[in-house]
Amino acid sequence: MQPTISIPQHWGYPRFALDQRTQDGIILGFYYYPNGTELAEQFDDGWRYVLMPNKNSDEISYLQENQIQPLSPQELFTQITAEIEFYQRQISILQQQLAVVTGGFTNA
């Protein structure tokens, strides 16, 4: 069963999604300041996003929706391709280590 997030109809829909890559980092979460609340009056209403600059960072930033810059399709392609290549190298190293441990015999 897929998790479901319900957003009240009178709230605007968030522009960004969880785990989306942006210029500012990866979106870890988001929350909403509804119009007419004290927080909205103090900080403006709308969506706020929790971002991590990269997955090896312990830094977190909190940005309003209009402060976030999406990645271009080319930038997203480049990032994902680099990550795939990184994990392929890691898999190759692990396969070599497994071959040493098993004497070249694997179930693969």
N, C-alpha and C. Protein backbone atom coordinates (compact mmCIF):
# COMPACT_ATOMS: atom_id res chain seq x y z
N MET A 1 0.83 -1.17 0.00
CA MET A 1 0.00 0.00 0.00
C MET A 1 0.89 1.25 0.00
N GLN A 2 0.59 2.17 -0.88
CA GLN A 2 1.36 3.41 -0.99
C GLN A 2 0.94 4.39 0.11
N PRO A 3 1.92 5.08 0.73
CA PRO A 3 1.54 6.12 1.70
C PRO A 3 0.81 7.25 0.99
N THR A 4 -0.12 7.85 1.70
CA THR A 4 -0.92 8.92 1.13
C THR A 4 -0.77 10.18 1.97
N ILE A 5 -0.62 11.30 1.29
CA ILE A 5 -0.59 12.59 1.96
C ILE A 5 -1.83 13.35 1.51
N SER A 6 -2.62 13.80 2.45
CA SER A 6 -3.81 14.58 2.14
C SER A 6 -3.54 16.05 2.40
N ILE A 7 -3.87 16.87 1.42
CA ILE A 7 -3.68 18.31 1.52
C ILE A 7 -5.05 18.95 1.43
N PRO A 8 -5.40 19.78 2.41
CA PRO A 8 -6.72 20.44 2.35
C PRO A 8 -6.90 21.19 1.03
N GLN A 9 -8.12 21.18 0.53
CA GLN A 9 -8.39 21.79 -0.78
C GLN A 9 -8.13 23.29 -0.80
N HIS A 10 -8.25 23.97 0.34
CA HIS A 10 -8.06 25.41 0.35
C HIS A 10 -6.57 25.80 0.43
N TRP A 11 -5.68 24.82 0.53
CA TRP A 11 -4.24 25.08 0.46
C TRP A 11 -3.81 24.90 -0.99
N GLY A 12 -2.84 25.66 -1.43
CA GLY A 12 -2.27 25.42 -2.75
C GLY A 12 -1.47 24.13 -2.73
N TYR A 13 -1.32 23.52 -3.88
CA TYR A 13 -0.55 22.28 -3.95
C TYR A 13 0.95 22.62 -3.94
N PRO A 14 1.79 21.83 -3.24
CA PRO A 14 3.23 22.15 -3.21
C PRO A 14 3.86 22.05 -4.60
N ARG A 15 4.77 22.94 -4.88
CA ARG A 15 5.45 22.97 -6.19
C ARG A 15 6.50 21.87 -6.30
N PHE A 16 7.10 21.48 -5.17
CA PHE A 16 8.17 20.50 -5.16
C PHE A 16 7.74 19.25 -4.42
N ALA A 17 8.41 18.14 -4.69
CA ALA A 17 8.07 16.85 -4.09
C ALA A 17 9.16 16.38 -3.15
N LEU A 18 8.79 15.48 -2.25
CA LEU A 18 9.78 14.87 -1.38
C LEU A 18 10.84 14.16 -2.21
N ASP A 19 12.07 14.25 -1.79
CA ASP A 19 13.22 13.61 -2.43
C ASP A 19 13.59 14.23 -3.78
N GLN A 20 12.96 15.36 -4.12
CA GLN A 20 13.28 16.03 -5.39
C GLN A 20 14.62 16.74 -5.25
N ARG A 21 15.44 16.64 -6.30
CA ARG A 21 16.72 17.33 -6.34
C ARG A 21 16.50 18.75 -6.87
N THR A 22 17.14 19.71 -6.22
CA THR A 22 17.05 21.11 -6.63
C THR A 22 18.44 21.73 -6.60
N GLN A 23 18.54 22.97 -7.03
CA GLN A 23 19.83 23.69 -6.95
C GLN A 23 20.30 23.79 -5.50
N ASP A 24 19.35 23.83 -4.58
CA ASP A 24 19.65 24.04 -3.17
C ASP A 24 19.84 22.75 -2.38
N GLY A 25 19.58 21.61 -3.01
CA GLY A 25 19.73 20.33 -2.34
C GLY A 25 18.54 19.43 -2.56
N ILE A 26 18.47 18.40 -1.74
CA ILE A 26 17.41 17.40 -1.84
C ILE A 26 16.31 17.75 -0.83
N ILE A 27 15.06 17.69 -1.27
CA ILE A 27 13.94 18.02 -0.40
C ILE A 27 13.63 16.84 0.52
N LEU A 28 13.77 17.08 1.82
CA LEU A 28 13.51 16.05 2.83
C LEU A 28 12.11 16.13 3.40
N GLY A 29 11.53 17.30 3.36
CA GLY A 29 10.20 17.48 3.94
C GLY A 29 9.66 18.85 3.61
N PHE A 30 8.40 19.04 3.94
CA PHE A 30 7.80 20.35 3.75
C PHE A 30 6.64 20.52 4.71
N TYR A 31 6.30 21.77 4.95
CA TYR A 31 5.18 22.09 5.82
C TYR A 31 4.53 23.37 5.30
N TYR A 32 3.36 23.67 5.82
CA TYR A 32 2.56 24.76 5.28
C TYR A 32 2.16 25.73 6.39
N TYR A 33 2.27 27.03 6.10
CA TYR A 33 1.75 28.06 6.99
C TYR A 33 0.44 28.57 6.38
N PRO A 34 -0.70 28.17 6.90
CA PRO A 34 -1.98 28.60 6.33
C PRO A 34 -2.20 30.10 6.51
N ASN A 35 -2.85 30.69 5.55
CA ASN A 35 -3.21 32.10 5.59
C ASN A 35 -4.08 32.35 6.82
N GLY A 36 -3.85 33.47 7.49
CA GLY A 36 -4.65 33.83 8.64
C GLY A 36 -4.12 33.30 9.96
N THR A 37 -2.99 32.60 9.93
CA THR A 37 -2.40 32.11 11.18
C THR A 37 -1.29 33.07 11.61
N GLU A 38 -0.91 32.96 12.87
CA GLU A 38 0.14 33.83 13.39
C GLU A 38 1.46 33.61 12.65
N LEU A 39 1.79 32.34 12.36
CA LEU A 39 3.04 32.07 11.63
C LEU A 39 3.01 32.68 10.23
N ALA A 40 1.87 32.58 9.56
CA ALA A 40 1.75 33.15 8.22
C ALA A 40 1.87 34.67 8.26
N GLU A 41 1.30 35.27 9.29
CA GLU A 41 1.40 36.73 9.41
C GLU A 41 2.84 37.16 9.68
N GLN A 42 3.56 36.34 10.43
CA GLN A 42 4.94 36.67 10.77
C GLN A 42 5.91 36.35 9.64
N PHE A 43 5.70 35.21 8.96
CA PHE A 43 6.68 34.73 7.97
C PHE A 43 6.12 34.58 6.55
N ASP A 44 4.90 34.97 6.30
CA ASP A 44 4.19 34.79 5.03
C ASP A 44 3.60 33.39 4.96
N ASP A 45 2.45 33.31 4.32
CA ASP A 45 1.80 32.01 4.19
C ASP A 45 2.41 31.22 3.05
N GLY A 46 2.16 29.93 3.02
CA GLY A 46 2.63 29.08 1.94
C GLY A 46 3.52 27.96 2.42
N TRP A 47 4.08 27.26 1.46
CA TRP A 47 4.90 26.08 1.72
C TRP A 47 6.31 26.46 2.12
N ARG A 48 6.86 25.71 3.05
CA ARG A 48 8.25 25.78 3.46
C ARG A 48 8.85 24.41 3.22
N TYR A 49 10.09 24.38 2.80
CA TYR A 49 10.75 23.12 2.47
C TYR A 49 12.00 22.92 3.31
N VAL A 50 12.23 21.68 3.68
CA VAL A 50 13.43 21.30 4.43
C VAL A 50 14.36 20.64 3.42
N LEU A 51 15.56 21.21 3.23
CA LEU A 51 16.49 20.70 2.24
C LEU A 51 17.82 20.33 2.86
N MET A 52 18.46 19.33 2.27
CA MET A 52 19.81 18.93 2.66
C MET A 52 20.69 19.16 1.43
N PRO A 53 21.78 19.92 1.56
CA PRO A 53 22.61 20.25 0.40
C PRO A 53 23.08 19.02 -0.39
N ASN A 54 23.45 17.97 0.31
CA ASN A 54 23.79 16.71 -0.34
C ASN A 54 23.62 15.60 0.68
N LYS A 55 23.56 14.38 0.22
CA LYS A 55 23.22 13.29 1.14
C LYS A 55 24.33 12.93 2.11
N ASN A 56 25.49 13.53 1.97
CA ASN A 56 26.59 13.30 2.91
C ASN A 56 26.75 14.45 3.89
N SER A 57 25.77 15.31 3.93
CA SER A 57 25.84 16.51 4.76
C SER A 57 24.92 16.36 5.97
N ASP A 58 25.29 17.03 7.05
CA ASP A 58 24.39 17.09 8.19
C ASP A 58 23.75 18.47 8.29
N GLU A 59 23.96 19.30 7.27
CA GLU A 59 23.36 20.62 7.23
C GLU A 59 21.93 20.52 6.71
N ILE A 60 21.08 21.37 7.25
CA ILE A 60 19.69 21.44 6.81
C ILE A 60 19.37 22.91 6.57
N SER A 61 18.61 23.19 5.52
CA SER A 61 18.14 24.55 5.30
C SER A 61 16.62 24.53 5.16
N TYR A 62 16.02 25.64 5.50
CA TYR A 62 14.58 25.80 5.43
C TYR A 62 14.30 26.95 4.47
N LEU A 63 13.64 26.66 3.37
CA LEU A 63 13.42 27.69 2.35
C LEU A 63 11.95 27.79 1.98
N GLN A 64 11.54 29.00 1.63
CA GLN A 64 10.20 29.19 1.09
C GLN A 64 10.19 28.69 -0.35
N GLU A 65 9.00 28.41 -0.83
CA GLU A 65 8.86 27.86 -2.17
C GLU A 65 9.51 28.75 -3.23
N ASN A 66 9.36 30.06 -3.10
CA ASN A 66 9.91 30.97 -4.11
C ASN A 66 11.42 31.14 -4.01
N GLN A 67 12.05 30.57 -2.99
CA GLN A 67 13.51 30.65 -2.84
C GLN A 67 14.23 29.46 -3.46
N ILE A 68 13.48 28.45 -3.87
CA ILE A 68 14.08 27.22 -4.38
C ILE A 68 14.17 27.26 -5.89
N GLN A 69 15.34 26.88 -6.40
CA GLN A 69 15.56 26.83 -7.85
C GLN A 69 15.59 25.37 -8.30
N PRO A 70 14.69 24.98 -9.20
CA PRO A 70 14.73 23.60 -9.70
C PRO A 70 15.95 23.38 -10.59
N LEU A 71 16.31 22.13 -10.75
CA LEU A 71 17.40 21.78 -11.68
C LEU A 71 16.85 21.73 -13.10
N SER A 72 17.68 22.08 -14.05
CA SER A 72 17.29 21.93 -15.45
C SER A 72 17.31 20.44 -15.78
N PRO A 73 16.63 20.01 -16.82
CA PRO A 73 16.69 18.58 -17.19
C PRO A 73 18.13 18.10 -17.41
N GLN A 74 18.99 18.93 -17.98
CA GLN A 74 20.38 18.54 -18.20
C GLN A 74 21.13 18.38 -16.89
N GLU A 75 20.91 19.30 -15.95
CA GLU A 75 21.56 19.20 -14.65
C GLU A 75 21.11 17.96 -13.90
N LEU A 76 19.82 17.68 -13.98
CA LEU A 76 19.28 16.48 -13.32
C LEU A 76 19.86 15.23 -13.95
N PHE A 77 19.93 15.19 -15.27
CA PHE A 77 20.52 14.06 -15.99
C PHE A 77 21.97 13.85 -15.56
N THR A 78 22.74 14.93 -15.49
CA THR A 78 24.15 14.85 -15.10
C THR A 78 24.31 14.32 -13.69
N GLN A 79 23.50 14.82 -12.77
CA GLN A 79 23.58 14.35 -11.38
C GLN A 79 23.24 12.87 -11.26
N ILE A 80 22.16 12.46 -11.89
CA ILE A 80 21.73 11.07 -11.79
C ILE A 80 22.73 10.14 -12.48
N THR A 81 23.25 10.55 -13.61
CA THR A 81 24.25 9.74 -14.32
C THR A 81 25.50 9.56 -13.46
N ALA A 82 25.96 10.63 -12.82
CA ALA A 82 27.14 10.54 -11.95
C ALA A 82 26.87 9.60 -10.78
N GLU A 83 25.68 9.66 -10.23
CA GLU A 83 25.35 8.77 -9.10
C GLU A 83 25.29 7.32 -9.55
N ILE A 84 24.72 7.06 -10.71
CA ILE A 84 24.68 5.70 -11.26
C ILE A 84 26.10 5.17 -11.46
N GLU A 85 26.97 5.99 -12.05
CA GLU A 85 28.36 5.57 -12.28
C GLU A 85 29.07 5.28 -10.96
N PHE A 86 28.82 6.10 -9.93
CA PHE A 86 29.41 5.87 -8.62
C PHE A 86 28.98 4.51 -8.07
N TYR A 87 27.69 4.23 -8.12
CA TYR A 87 27.20 2.97 -7.57
C TYR A 87 27.63 1.77 -8.42
N GLN A 88 27.78 1.95 -9.72
CA GLN A 88 28.28 0.86 -10.55
C GLN A 88 29.72 0.51 -10.18
N ARG A 89 30.53 1.54 -9.89
CA ARG A 89 31.90 1.28 -9.43
C ARG A 89 31.90 0.56 -8.09
N GLN A 90 31.01 0.97 -7.20
CA GLN A 90 30.92 0.32 -5.89
C GLN A 90 30.51 -1.15 -6.04
N ILE A 91 29.57 -1.42 -6.92
CA ILE A 91 29.13 -2.80 -7.17
C ILE A 91 30.29 -3.62 -7.73
N SER A 92 31.05 -3.05 -8.65
CA SER A 92 32.20 -3.76 -9.23
C SER A 92 33.22 -4.11 -8.15
N ILE A 93 33.50 -3.17 -7.26
CA ILE A 93 34.45 -3.41 -6.17
C ILE A 93 33.93 -4.53 -5.27
N LEU A 94 32.65 -4.48 -4.93
CA LEU A 94 32.07 -5.52 -4.08
C LEU A 94 32.08 -6.89 -4.76
N GLN A 95 31.84 -6.92 -6.07
CA GLN A 95 31.89 -8.19 -6.80
C GLN A 95 33.30 -8.77 -6.79
N GLN A 96 34.31 -7.91 -6.93
CA GLN A 96 35.70 -8.37 -6.85
C GLN A 96 36.02 -8.91 -5.47
N GLN A 97 35.57 -8.23 -4.43
CA GLN A 97 35.79 -8.70 -3.07
C GLN A 97 35.09 -10.03 -2.83
N LEU A 98 33.90 -10.17 -3.33
CA LEU A 98 33.15 -11.42 -3.18
C LEU A 98 33.85 -12.56 -3.91
N ALA A 99 34.39 -12.29 -5.08
CA ALA A 99 35.11 -13.32 -5.84
C ALA A 99 36.34 -13.80 -5.06
N VAL A 100 37.02 -12.88 -4.39
CA VAL A 100 38.18 -13.26 -3.58
C VAL A 100 37.75 -14.14 -2.42
N VAL A 101 36.68 -13.76 -1.74
CA VAL A 101 36.21 -14.50 -0.59
C VAL A 101 35.70 -15.90 -0.98
N THR A 102 35.05 -16.00 -2.11
CA THR A 102 34.46 -17.29 -2.52
C THR A 102 35.37 -18.07 -3.44
N GLY A 103 36.54 -17.57 -3.71
CA GLY A 103 37.45 -18.28 -4.60
C GLY A 103 36.96 -18.27 -6.05
N GLY A 104 36.18 -17.26 -6.41
CA GLY A 104 35.68 -17.13 -7.78
C GLY A 104 34.33 -17.76 -7.99
N PHE A 105 33.79 -18.44 -6.99
CA PHE A 105 32.47 -19.07 -7.12
C PHE A 105 31.39 -18.19 -6.50
N THR A 106 30.42 -17.81 -7.29
CA THR A 106 29.28 -17.03 -6.79
C THR A 106 28.01 -17.65 -7.35
N ASN A 107 26.88 -17.30 -6.79
CA ASN A 107 25.59 -17.76 -7.27
C ASN A 107 25.02 -16.87 -8.37
N ALA A 108 25.75 -15.83 -8.73
CA ALA A 108 25.25 -14.87 -9.73
C ALA A 108 25.39 -15.40 -11.13
